[in-house]
Amino acid sequence: MARIRVLLRKNKSAIPTKLQVADLVMDILTHKVTRGGKEIILTTKEFSLLEYLMRSTGQVITRTTISEHVWDINFDTTTNVIDVHIASLRRKIDRTHKNKLIHTIRGRGYTIKE
């Protein structure tokens, strides 16, 4: 039983509490996001979406996968809720920076990378 507790503690500590892509930094514990040292205020869903993208840096994430992980719902092909949230993140994160981090992979999904 004690060994199981030790393994559980190790697994918890293995989950990073800070994520970083280029100069974009997310602190999971404080729910603070900064880019170039400036704080970015995000809604709860924007934070969850950005966290999911950052945990999958460099990978193409489909709209279906995003809806299942961030909204915990089955994907509805007629909704644009993901596109709206991606657009909002781009305004907050990429608009004032030359180096864009959030990318659309046409016909496949989204990715975040340098």
N, C-alpha and C. Protein backbone atom coordinates (compact mmCIF):
# COMPACT_ATOMS: atom_id res chain seq x y z
N MET A 1 0.82 -1.19 0.00
CA MET A 1 0.00 0.00 0.00
C MET A 1 0.87 1.26 0.00
N ALA A 2 1.93 1.27 0.80
CA ALA A 2 2.82 2.43 0.86
C ALA A 2 3.51 2.65 -0.48
N ARG A 3 3.82 1.56 -1.16
CA ARG A 3 4.47 1.67 -2.46
C ARG A 3 3.55 2.34 -3.48
N ILE A 4 2.28 2.03 -3.43
CA ILE A 4 1.31 2.65 -4.34
C ILE A 4 1.26 4.16 -4.11
N ARG A 5 1.25 4.58 -2.83
CA ARG A 5 1.24 6.01 -2.52
C ARG A 5 2.48 6.71 -3.06
N VAL A 6 3.62 6.05 -2.95
CA VAL A 6 4.87 6.62 -3.46
C VAL A 6 4.78 6.78 -4.98
N LEU A 7 4.26 5.76 -5.65
CA LEU A 7 4.13 5.84 -7.11
C LEU A 7 3.15 6.94 -7.51
N LEU A 8 2.07 7.09 -6.79
CA LEU A 8 1.11 8.15 -7.09
C LEU A 8 1.74 9.53 -6.90
N ARG A 9 2.53 9.69 -5.84
CA ARG A 9 3.20 10.98 -5.61
C ARG A 9 4.18 11.27 -6.74
N LYS A 10 4.89 10.26 -7.19
CA LYS A 10 5.85 10.46 -8.29
C LYS A 10 5.13 10.88 -9.56
N ASN A 11 4.00 10.25 -9.85
CA ASN A 11 3.25 10.61 -11.06
C ASN A 11 2.73 12.02 -11.00
N LYS A 12 2.29 12.48 -9.84
CA LYS A 12 1.80 13.85 -9.71
C LYS A 12 2.92 14.84 -9.96
N SER A 13 4.10 14.55 -9.44
CA SER A 13 5.21 15.48 -9.60
C SER A 13 5.75 15.46 -11.02
N ALA A 14 5.44 14.43 -11.80
CA ALA A 14 5.92 14.34 -13.17
C ALA A 14 5.12 15.24 -14.12
N ILE A 15 3.94 15.69 -13.70
CA ILE A 15 3.12 16.56 -14.53
C ILE A 15 3.66 17.98 -14.41
N PRO A 16 4.08 18.56 -15.54
CA PRO A 16 4.65 19.91 -15.45
C PRO A 16 3.59 20.94 -15.05
N THR A 17 4.00 21.89 -14.22
CA THR A 17 3.08 22.95 -13.79
C THR A 17 3.30 24.23 -14.58
N LYS A 18 4.36 24.27 -15.37
CA LYS A 18 4.61 25.41 -16.26
C LYS A 18 4.84 24.88 -17.66
N LEU A 19 4.15 25.49 -18.60
CA LEU A 19 4.31 25.12 -20.01
C LEU A 19 4.87 26.33 -20.74
N GLN A 20 5.71 26.08 -21.76
CA GLN A 20 6.29 27.19 -22.49
C GLN A 20 6.44 26.84 -23.96
N VAL A 21 6.04 27.79 -24.81
CA VAL A 21 6.27 27.73 -26.25
C VAL A 21 6.80 29.10 -26.63
N ALA A 22 8.03 29.15 -27.09
CA ALA A 22 8.71 30.42 -27.39
C ALA A 22 8.64 31.30 -26.15
N ASP A 23 8.10 32.52 -26.27
CA ASP A 23 8.02 33.42 -25.12
C ASP A 23 6.64 33.39 -24.45
N LEU A 24 5.83 32.40 -24.82
CA LEU A 24 4.51 32.21 -24.20
C LEU A 24 4.67 31.23 -23.04
N VAL A 25 4.31 31.68 -21.84
CA VAL A 25 4.47 30.85 -20.64
C VAL A 25 3.13 30.73 -19.93
N MET A 26 2.79 29.50 -19.55
CA MET A 26 1.55 29.23 -18.82
C MET A 26 1.89 28.56 -17.50
N ASP A 27 1.41 29.14 -16.42
CA ASP A 27 1.56 28.55 -15.09
C ASP A 27 0.23 27.91 -14.73
N ILE A 28 0.20 26.60 -14.69
CA ILE A 28 -1.04 25.85 -14.44
C ILE A 28 -1.57 26.11 -13.04
N LEU A 29 -0.69 26.24 -12.08
CA LEU A 29 -1.12 26.40 -10.69
C LEU A 29 -1.76 27.76 -10.41
N THR A 30 -1.21 28.81 -10.99
CA THR A 30 -1.73 30.15 -10.74
C THR A 30 -2.70 30.63 -11.83
N HIS A 31 -2.84 29.84 -12.89
CA HIS A 31 -3.67 30.21 -14.05
C HIS A 31 -3.21 31.53 -14.66
N LYS A 32 -1.90 31.71 -14.69
CA LYS A 32 -1.32 32.93 -15.25
C LYS A 32 -0.65 32.61 -16.58
N VAL A 33 -0.93 33.44 -17.58
CA VAL A 33 -0.33 33.28 -18.90
C VAL A 33 0.37 34.59 -19.25
N THR A 34 1.61 34.47 -19.73
CA THR A 34 2.35 35.65 -20.16
C THR A 34 2.96 35.39 -21.53
N ARG A 35 3.13 36.47 -22.27
CA ARG A 35 3.86 36.40 -23.53
C ARG A 35 4.78 37.60 -23.56
N GLY A 36 6.06 37.33 -23.70
CA GLY A 36 7.04 38.41 -23.68
C GLY A 36 7.03 39.16 -22.36
N GLY A 37 6.65 38.47 -21.28
CA GLY A 37 6.63 39.08 -19.96
C GLY A 37 5.34 39.82 -19.62
N LYS A 38 4.44 39.99 -20.59
CA LYS A 38 3.18 40.68 -20.34
C LYS A 38 2.08 39.67 -20.07
N GLU A 39 1.31 39.92 -19.01
CA GLU A 39 0.24 39.00 -18.64
C GLU A 39 -0.91 39.08 -19.63
N ILE A 40 -1.48 37.93 -19.94
CA ILE A 40 -2.62 37.81 -20.84
C ILE A 40 -3.78 37.25 -20.03
N ILE A 41 -4.89 37.95 -20.03
CA ILE A 41 -6.07 37.51 -19.29
C ILE A 41 -6.92 36.62 -20.22
N LEU A 42 -7.19 35.41 -19.76
CA LEU A 42 -7.97 34.45 -20.55
C LEU A 42 -9.20 34.00 -19.78
N THR A 43 -10.25 33.65 -20.54
CA THR A 43 -11.42 33.02 -19.92
C THR A 43 -11.04 31.60 -19.54
N THR A 44 -11.90 30.94 -18.81
CA THR A 44 -11.64 29.56 -18.39
C THR A 44 -11.50 28.64 -19.60
N LYS A 45 -12.38 28.77 -20.59
CA LYS A 45 -12.31 27.92 -21.79
C LYS A 45 -11.08 28.24 -22.62
N GLU A 46 -10.74 29.53 -22.75
CA GLU A 46 -9.53 29.89 -23.49
C GLU A 46 -8.30 29.29 -22.81
N PHE A 47 -8.26 29.35 -21.48
CA PHE A 47 -7.14 28.78 -20.74
C PHE A 47 -7.05 27.28 -20.99
N SER A 48 -8.19 26.59 -20.91
CA SER A 48 -8.21 25.13 -21.13
C SER A 48 -7.77 24.78 -22.54
N LEU A 49 -8.25 25.54 -23.52
CA LEU A 49 -7.88 25.30 -24.92
C LEU A 49 -6.39 25.53 -25.13
N LEU A 50 -5.88 26.62 -24.59
CA LEU A 50 -4.45 26.91 -24.73
C LEU A 50 -3.61 25.86 -24.03
N GLU A 51 -4.03 25.44 -22.85
CA GLU A 51 -3.30 24.40 -22.13
C GLU A 51 -3.24 23.12 -22.96
N TYR A 52 -4.37 22.74 -23.55
CA TYR A 52 -4.40 21.52 -24.37
C TYR A 52 -3.46 21.65 -25.57
N LEU A 53 -3.48 22.80 -26.22
CA LEU A 53 -2.58 23.01 -27.36
C LEU A 53 -1.12 22.98 -26.91
N MET A 54 -0.82 23.63 -25.79
CA MET A 54 0.56 23.69 -25.32
C MET A 54 1.07 22.32 -24.86
N ARG A 55 0.21 21.50 -24.31
CA ARG A 55 0.62 20.15 -23.90
C ARG A 55 0.88 19.27 -25.13
N SER A 56 0.39 19.72 -26.28
CA SER A 56 0.55 18.97 -27.53
C SER A 56 1.37 19.77 -28.54
N THR A 57 2.32 20.55 -28.06
CA THR A 57 3.12 21.44 -28.92
C THR A 57 3.68 20.69 -30.12
N GLY A 58 3.45 21.30 -31.29
CA GLY A 58 3.99 20.72 -32.53
C GLY A 58 3.11 19.67 -33.17
N GLN A 59 2.12 19.19 -32.46
CA GLN A 59 1.21 18.17 -33.01
C GLN A 59 -0.03 18.85 -33.58
N VAL A 60 -0.59 18.26 -34.63
CA VAL A 60 -1.84 18.77 -35.18
C VAL A 60 -2.98 18.19 -34.37
N ILE A 61 -3.82 19.09 -33.83
CA ILE A 61 -4.94 18.70 -33.00
C ILE A 61 -6.23 18.96 -33.78
N THR A 62 -7.03 17.93 -33.98
CA THR A 62 -8.26 18.09 -34.74
C THR A 62 -9.33 18.79 -33.92
N ARG A 63 -10.31 19.36 -34.61
CA ARG A 63 -11.42 20.01 -33.93
C ARG A 63 -12.17 19.00 -33.07
N THR A 64 -12.30 17.77 -33.56
CA THR A 64 -12.99 16.72 -32.79
C THR A 64 -12.27 16.46 -31.48
N THR A 65 -10.96 16.32 -31.54
CA THR A 65 -10.17 16.06 -30.34
C THR A 65 -10.27 17.22 -29.37
N ILE A 66 -10.22 18.44 -29.88
CA ILE A 66 -10.35 19.62 -29.02
C ILE A 66 -11.70 19.61 -28.33
N SER A 67 -12.77 19.35 -29.07
CA SER A 67 -14.11 19.37 -28.47
C SER A 67 -14.25 18.31 -27.39
N GLU A 68 -13.65 17.15 -27.60
CA GLU A 68 -13.74 16.07 -26.61
C GLU A 68 -12.93 16.37 -25.36
N HIS A 69 -11.77 17.00 -25.50
CA HIS A 69 -10.91 17.25 -24.35
C HIS A 69 -11.20 18.56 -23.63
N VAL A 70 -11.56 19.59 -24.37
CA VAL A 70 -11.78 20.90 -23.75
C VAL A 70 -13.24 21.10 -23.35
N TRP A 71 -14.16 20.67 -24.21
CA TRP A 71 -15.58 20.85 -23.91
C TRP A 71 -16.22 19.57 -23.39
N ASP A 72 -15.49 18.44 -23.50
CA ASP A 72 -15.99 17.16 -23.02
C ASP A 72 -17.35 16.82 -23.64
N ILE A 73 -17.46 17.07 -24.94
CA ILE A 73 -18.69 16.77 -25.66
C ILE A 73 -18.35 16.07 -26.96
N ASN A 74 -19.34 15.41 -27.54
CA ASN A 74 -19.17 14.85 -28.87
C ASN A 74 -19.18 15.99 -29.88
N PHE A 75 -18.40 15.87 -30.91
CA PHE A 75 -18.22 16.95 -31.87
C PHE A 75 -19.45 17.17 -32.73
N ASP A 76 -19.86 18.42 -32.81
CA ASP A 76 -20.97 18.83 -33.67
C ASP A 76 -20.36 19.58 -34.84
N THR A 77 -20.47 19.03 -36.03
CA THR A 77 -19.81 19.63 -37.19
C THR A 77 -20.41 20.97 -37.60
N THR A 78 -21.58 21.31 -37.08
CA THR A 78 -22.20 22.57 -37.47
C THR A 78 -21.83 23.73 -36.54
N THR A 79 -21.15 23.47 -35.47
CA THR A 79 -20.80 24.54 -34.52
C THR A 79 -19.46 25.18 -34.89
N ASN A 80 -19.34 26.47 -34.57
CA ASN A 80 -18.07 27.16 -34.81
C ASN A 80 -17.44 27.60 -33.48
N VAL A 81 -17.86 27.00 -32.38
CA VAL A 81 -17.38 27.41 -31.06
C VAL A 81 -15.86 27.29 -30.95
N ILE A 82 -15.27 26.27 -31.54
CA ILE A 82 -13.81 26.10 -31.47
C ILE A 82 -13.13 27.20 -32.28
N ASP A 83 -13.65 27.48 -33.47
CA ASP A 83 -13.07 28.53 -34.31
C ASP A 83 -13.13 29.89 -33.60
N VAL A 84 -14.22 30.16 -32.92
CA VAL A 84 -14.38 31.42 -32.19
C VAL A 84 -13.34 31.53 -31.08
N HIS A 85 -13.14 30.46 -30.34
CA HIS A 85 -12.17 30.48 -29.24
C HIS A 85 -10.72 30.55 -29.77
N ILE A 86 -10.45 29.88 -30.87
CA ILE A 86 -9.12 29.97 -31.48
C ILE A 86 -8.86 31.41 -31.94
N ALA A 87 -9.85 32.03 -32.57
CA ALA A 87 -9.71 33.42 -33.02
C ALA A 87 -9.46 34.34 -31.83
N SER A 88 -10.15 34.11 -30.74
CA SER A 88 -9.96 34.92 -29.53
C SER A 88 -8.55 34.75 -28.97
N LEU A 89 -8.07 33.50 -28.93
CA LEU A 89 -6.70 33.25 -28.46
C LEU A 89 -5.69 33.95 -29.36
N ARG A 90 -5.91 33.88 -30.67
CA ARG A 90 -4.98 34.54 -31.60
C ARG A 90 -4.93 36.04 -31.34
N ARG A 91 -6.09 36.66 -31.10
CA ARG A 91 -6.11 38.10 -30.82
C ARG A 91 -5.31 38.41 -29.57
N LYS A 92 -5.48 37.59 -28.55
CA LYS A 92 -4.82 37.85 -27.27
C LYS A 92 -3.34 37.48 -27.27
N ILE A 93 -2.97 36.44 -28.01
CA ILE A 93 -1.61 35.91 -27.94
C ILE A 93 -0.73 36.37 -29.10
N ASP A 94 -1.27 36.35 -30.32
CA ASP A 94 -0.44 36.57 -31.50
C ASP A 94 -0.55 37.97 -32.12
N ARG A 95 -1.62 38.68 -31.86
CA ARG A 95 -1.90 39.93 -32.59
C ARG A 95 -0.74 40.92 -32.55
N THR A 96 -0.15 41.13 -31.40
CA THR A 96 0.89 42.16 -31.27
C THR A 96 2.30 41.61 -31.44
N HIS A 97 2.43 40.37 -31.89
CA HIS A 97 3.75 39.76 -32.04
C HIS A 97 3.98 39.33 -33.49
N LYS A 98 5.20 39.53 -33.94
CA LYS A 98 5.56 39.14 -35.30
C LYS A 98 5.57 37.62 -35.44
N ASN A 99 6.09 36.94 -34.42
CA ASN A 99 6.19 35.48 -34.42
C ASN A 99 4.85 34.89 -33.97
N LYS A 100 4.06 34.39 -34.92
CA LYS A 100 2.75 33.80 -34.62
C LYS A 100 2.95 32.37 -34.11
N LEU A 101 2.23 32.01 -33.06
CA LEU A 101 2.39 30.69 -32.45
C LEU A 101 1.25 29.73 -32.79
N ILE A 102 0.03 30.23 -32.91
CA ILE A 102 -1.13 29.38 -33.18
C ILE A 102 -1.33 29.31 -34.69
N HIS A 103 -1.34 28.09 -35.21
CA HIS A 103 -1.43 27.88 -36.66
C HIS A 103 -2.60 26.96 -37.00
N THR A 104 -3.24 27.26 -38.12
CA THR A 104 -4.28 26.39 -38.66
C THR A 104 -3.63 25.48 -39.69
N ILE A 105 -3.89 24.21 -39.58
CA ILE A 105 -3.44 23.25 -40.58
C ILE A 105 -4.69 22.92 -41.40
N ARG A 106 -4.78 23.52 -42.55
CA ARG A 106 -5.99 23.46 -43.37
C ARG A 106 -6.48 22.03 -43.57
N GLY A 107 -7.74 21.82 -43.25
CA GLY A 107 -8.36 20.51 -43.41
C GLY A 107 -8.01 19.50 -42.33
N ARG A 108 -7.16 19.88 -41.38
CA ARG A 108 -6.73 18.94 -40.34
C ARG A 108 -7.04 19.42 -38.93
N GLY A 109 -6.69 20.68 -38.62
CA GLY A 109 -6.90 21.17 -37.26
C GLY A 109 -5.99 22.33 -36.92
N TYR A 110 -5.50 22.34 -35.69
CA TYR A 110 -4.69 23.45 -35.18
C TYR A 110 -3.44 22.92 -34.51
N THR A 111 -2.44 23.79 -34.43
CA THR A 111 -1.23 23.46 -33.72
C THR A 111 -0.66 24.73 -33.11
N ILE A 112 0.18 24.55 -32.11
CA ILE A 112 0.92 25.68 -31.54
C ILE A 112 2.38 25.30 -31.61
N LYS A 113 3.18 26.21 -32.17
CA LYS A 113 4.62 25.96 -32.31
C LYS A 113 5.31 27.28 -32.62
N GLU A 114 6.63 27.26 -32.46
CA GLU A 114 7.43 28.46 -32.78
C GLU A 114 7.48 28.65 -34.27
